[in-house]
N, C-alpha and C. Protein backbone atom coordinates (compact mmCIF):
# COMPACT_ATOMS: atom_id res chain seq x y z
N UNK A 1 0.67 -1.19 0.01
CA UNK A 1 0.01 0.04 -0.14
C UNK A 1 0.61 1.08 -0.07
N UNK A 2 0.38 2.14 -0.52
CA UNK A 2 1.62 3.33 -0.96
C UNK A 2 1.09 4.23 0.17
N UNK A 3 1.91 4.94 0.71
CA UNK A 3 2.00 5.85 1.90
C UNK A 3 2.77 7.22 1.53
N UNK A 4 1.92 8.30 1.60
CA UNK A 4 3.38 9.40 1.42
C UNK A 4 4.13 9.54 2.25
N UNK A 5 5.38 10.02 2.03
CA UNK A 5 6.74 10.16 2.69
C UNK A 5 6.69 11.27 3.79
N UNK A 6 6.14 12.52 3.49
CA UNK A 6 5.70 13.42 4.44
C UNK A 6 4.31 14.12 3.88
N UNK A 7 3.98 15.02 4.87
CA UNK A 7 2.75 15.75 4.75
C UNK A 7 3.00 16.60 3.78
N UNK A 8 1.74 17.00 2.90
CA UNK A 8 1.52 17.75 1.81
C UNK A 8 1.34 19.06 2.41
N UNK A 9 1.60 20.18 2.30
CA UNK A 9 1.24 21.44 3.05
C UNK A 9 0.06 21.86 2.47
N UNK A 10 -0.62 22.95 2.91
CA UNK A 10 -1.89 23.43 2.39
C UNK A 10 -1.55 24.20 1.32
N UNK A 11 -0.34 25.23 1.28
CA UNK A 11 -0.04 25.65 0.08
C UNK A 11 0.14 25.25 -1.17
N UNK A 12 0.82 23.80 -0.72
CA UNK A 12 1.57 22.95 -2.14
C UNK A 12 0.23 22.52 -2.52
N UNK A 13 -0.81 22.10 -1.67
CA UNK A 13 -1.86 21.32 -2.33
C UNK A 13 -2.69 22.75 -3.03
N UNK A 14 -2.87 23.48 -2.66
CA UNK A 14 -3.69 24.39 -3.11
C UNK A 14 -3.17 24.92 -4.64
N UNK A 15 -1.70 25.09 -4.62
CA UNK A 15 -0.83 25.39 -5.86
C UNK A 15 -1.40 24.30 -6.82
N UNK A 16 -1.27 23.13 -6.35
CA UNK A 16 -1.80 22.04 -7.45
C UNK A 16 -3.00 22.28 -7.97
N UNK A 17 -4.29 22.62 -7.26
CA UNK A 17 -5.50 22.71 -7.90
C UNK A 17 -6.05 23.95 -8.14
N UNK A 18 -5.09 24.93 -8.29
CA UNK A 18 -5.25 26.21 -8.76
C UNK A 18 -6.18 26.63 -9.97
N UNK A 19 -5.42 25.57 -10.79
CA UNK A 19 -6.02 25.74 -12.54
C UNK A 19 -7.44 25.31 -12.68
N UNK A 20 -7.99 24.47 -11.75
CA UNK A 20 -9.28 23.98 -11.82
C UNK A 20 -10.52 24.82 -11.81
N UNK A 21 -10.21 26.23 -11.36
CA UNK A 21 -11.48 27.12 -10.95
C UNK A 21 -11.42 27.78 -12.83
N UNK A 22 -10.18 28.00 -13.34
CA UNK A 22 -10.51 28.87 -14.32
C UNK A 22 -11.17 28.37 -15.66
N UNK A 23 -11.92 29.23 -15.84
CA UNK A 23 -13.04 28.85 -17.04
C UNK A 23 -12.74 29.49 -18.51
N UNK A 24 -13.26 29.05 -19.44
CA UNK A 24 -12.95 29.83 -20.21
C UNK A 24 -14.15 30.47 -21.01
N UNK A 25 -14.17 31.71 -21.56
CA UNK A 25 -15.55 32.14 -21.67
C UNK A 25 -16.21 31.39 -23.07
N UNK A 26 -17.39 31.35 -23.14
CA UNK A 26 -18.02 30.84 -24.08
C UNK A 26 -18.04 31.68 -25.13
N UNK A 27 -17.75 30.67 -26.25
CA UNK A 27 -18.24 31.54 -28.06
C UNK A 27 -19.30 31.81 -27.92
N UNK A 28 -19.30 32.55 -28.93
CA UNK A 28 -20.49 33.34 -29.37
C UNK A 28 -20.31 33.24 -30.91
N UNK A 29 -21.68 33.36 -31.64
CA UNK A 29 -21.90 33.32 -32.97
C UNK A 29 -22.87 34.34 -33.36
N UNK A 30 -22.94 34.70 -34.51
CA UNK A 30 -24.13 36.14 -35.05
C UNK A 30 -24.99 34.89 -35.82
N UNK A 31 -26.29 35.59 -35.70
CA UNK A 31 -27.44 34.92 -36.32
C UNK A 31 -27.26 35.21 -37.73
N UNK A 32 -27.51 34.19 -38.79
CA UNK A 32 -27.17 34.56 -40.07
C UNK A 32 -28.52 35.28 -40.83
N UNK A 33 -29.67 34.98 -40.06
CA UNK A 33 -30.84 35.94 -40.50
C UNK A 33 -31.05 37.16 -39.92
N UNK A 34 -30.82 37.31 -38.55
CA UNK A 34 -30.86 38.83 -37.87
C UNK A 34 -29.45 39.39 -37.63
N UNK A 35 -28.34 38.61 -37.45
CA UNK A 35 -27.46 39.28 -37.21
C UNK A 35 -27.20 39.59 -35.61
N UNK A 36 -28.03 38.80 -34.88
CA UNK A 36 -27.63 39.44 -33.38
C UNK A 36 -26.81 38.13 -32.96
N UNK A 37 -26.24 38.59 -31.68
CA UNK A 37 -25.61 37.56 -31.00
C UNK A 37 -26.18 36.51 -30.46
N UNK A 38 -25.71 35.11 -30.62
CA UNK A 38 -26.43 33.82 -29.91
C UNK A 38 -25.52 32.93 -29.67
N UNK A 39 -25.45 31.93 -28.73
CA UNK A 39 -25.04 30.67 -28.39
C UNK A 39 -24.99 29.58 -29.59
N UNK A 40 -23.70 28.96 -30.00
CA UNK A 40 -23.95 28.13 -30.96
C UNK A 40 -24.68 27.14 -30.44
N UNK A 41 -25.44 26.56 -31.43
CA UNK A 41 -26.27 25.04 -31.34
C UNK A 41 -27.49 25.49 -30.39
N UNK A 42 -28.11 26.90 -30.31
CA UNK A 42 -29.11 27.28 -29.51
C UNK A 42 -29.75 28.23 -30.73
N UNK A 43 -31.28 28.09 -30.16
CA UNK A 43 -32.38 29.21 -31.06
C UNK A 43 -32.01 30.48 -30.94
N UNK A 44 -32.14 31.42 -31.98
CA UNK A 44 -31.62 32.92 -31.80
C UNK A 44 -33.19 33.20 -30.91
N UNK A 45 -32.76 34.12 -29.96
CA UNK A 45 -33.73 34.78 -28.94
C UNK A 45 -34.69 35.84 -29.89
N UNK A 46 -34.01 36.57 -30.60
CA UNK A 46 -34.60 37.73 -31.43
C UNK A 46 -35.30 37.37 -32.41
N UNK A 47 -34.73 36.43 -33.57
CA UNK A 47 -35.61 35.73 -34.36
C UNK A 47 -36.37 34.74 -34.29
N UNK A 48 -36.12 33.98 -33.18
CA UNK A 48 -36.93 32.38 -33.19
C UNK A 48 -36.33 31.75 -34.05
N UNK A 49 -34.84 31.62 -34.86
CA UNK A 49 -34.98 30.59 -35.89
C UNK A 49 -33.43 29.90 -35.34
N UNK A 50 -33.50 28.61 -35.99
CA UNK A 50 -32.40 28.05 -35.69
C UNK A 50 -32.34 26.99 -37.06
N UNK A 51 -30.82 26.74 -37.32
CA UNK A 51 -30.70 26.12 -38.52
C UNK A 51 -31.75 26.34 -39.86
N UNK A 52 -31.90 27.66 -39.89
CA UNK A 52 -32.64 28.09 -41.25
C UNK A 52 -34.21 27.92 -41.02
N UNK A 53 -34.58 27.53 -39.78
CA UNK A 53 -35.87 27.00 -39.76
C UNK A 53 -36.39 28.30 -38.49
N UNK A 54 -37.95 28.60 -38.80
CA UNK A 54 -38.53 29.48 -37.86
C UNK A 54 -39.09 28.82 -36.77
N UNK A 55 -38.90 28.64 -35.65
CA UNK A 55 -39.64 27.83 -34.72
C UNK A 55 -40.66 28.57 -33.98
N UNK A 56 -41.74 28.23 -33.71
CA UNK A 56 -42.71 29.18 -32.69
C UNK A 56 -42.25 28.95 -31.15
N UNK A 57 -42.63 29.95 -30.45
CA UNK A 57 -42.40 30.39 -29.24
C UNK A 57 -42.93 29.37 -28.44
N UNK A 58 -42.18 28.89 -27.42
CA UNK A 58 -42.83 27.91 -26.45
C UNK A 58 -43.68 28.73 -25.68
N UNK A 59 -45.08 27.90 -25.21
CA UNK A 59 -45.54 28.49 -24.05
C UNK A 59 -45.79 27.56 -23.06
N UNK A 60 -45.94 28.36 -21.89
CA UNK A 60 -46.17 27.29 -20.80
C UNK A 60 -47.62 27.27 -20.56
N UNK A 61 -48.29 25.96 -20.86
CA UNK A 61 -49.88 25.83 -20.50
C UNK A 61 -49.62 24.46 -19.77
């Protein structure tokens, strides 16, 4: 069974974990129909189109 030779300090442990929290900014695309900024692979909120098709607004009923 593997046993650590010495204690790892909090500072050394936190240095090792420091890069985990860094996130990349989400990429944004422009809508080909209206030119609005929207996330890729999602419906455009301004003109309600996706992949060249116009989709009806979803209603909660």
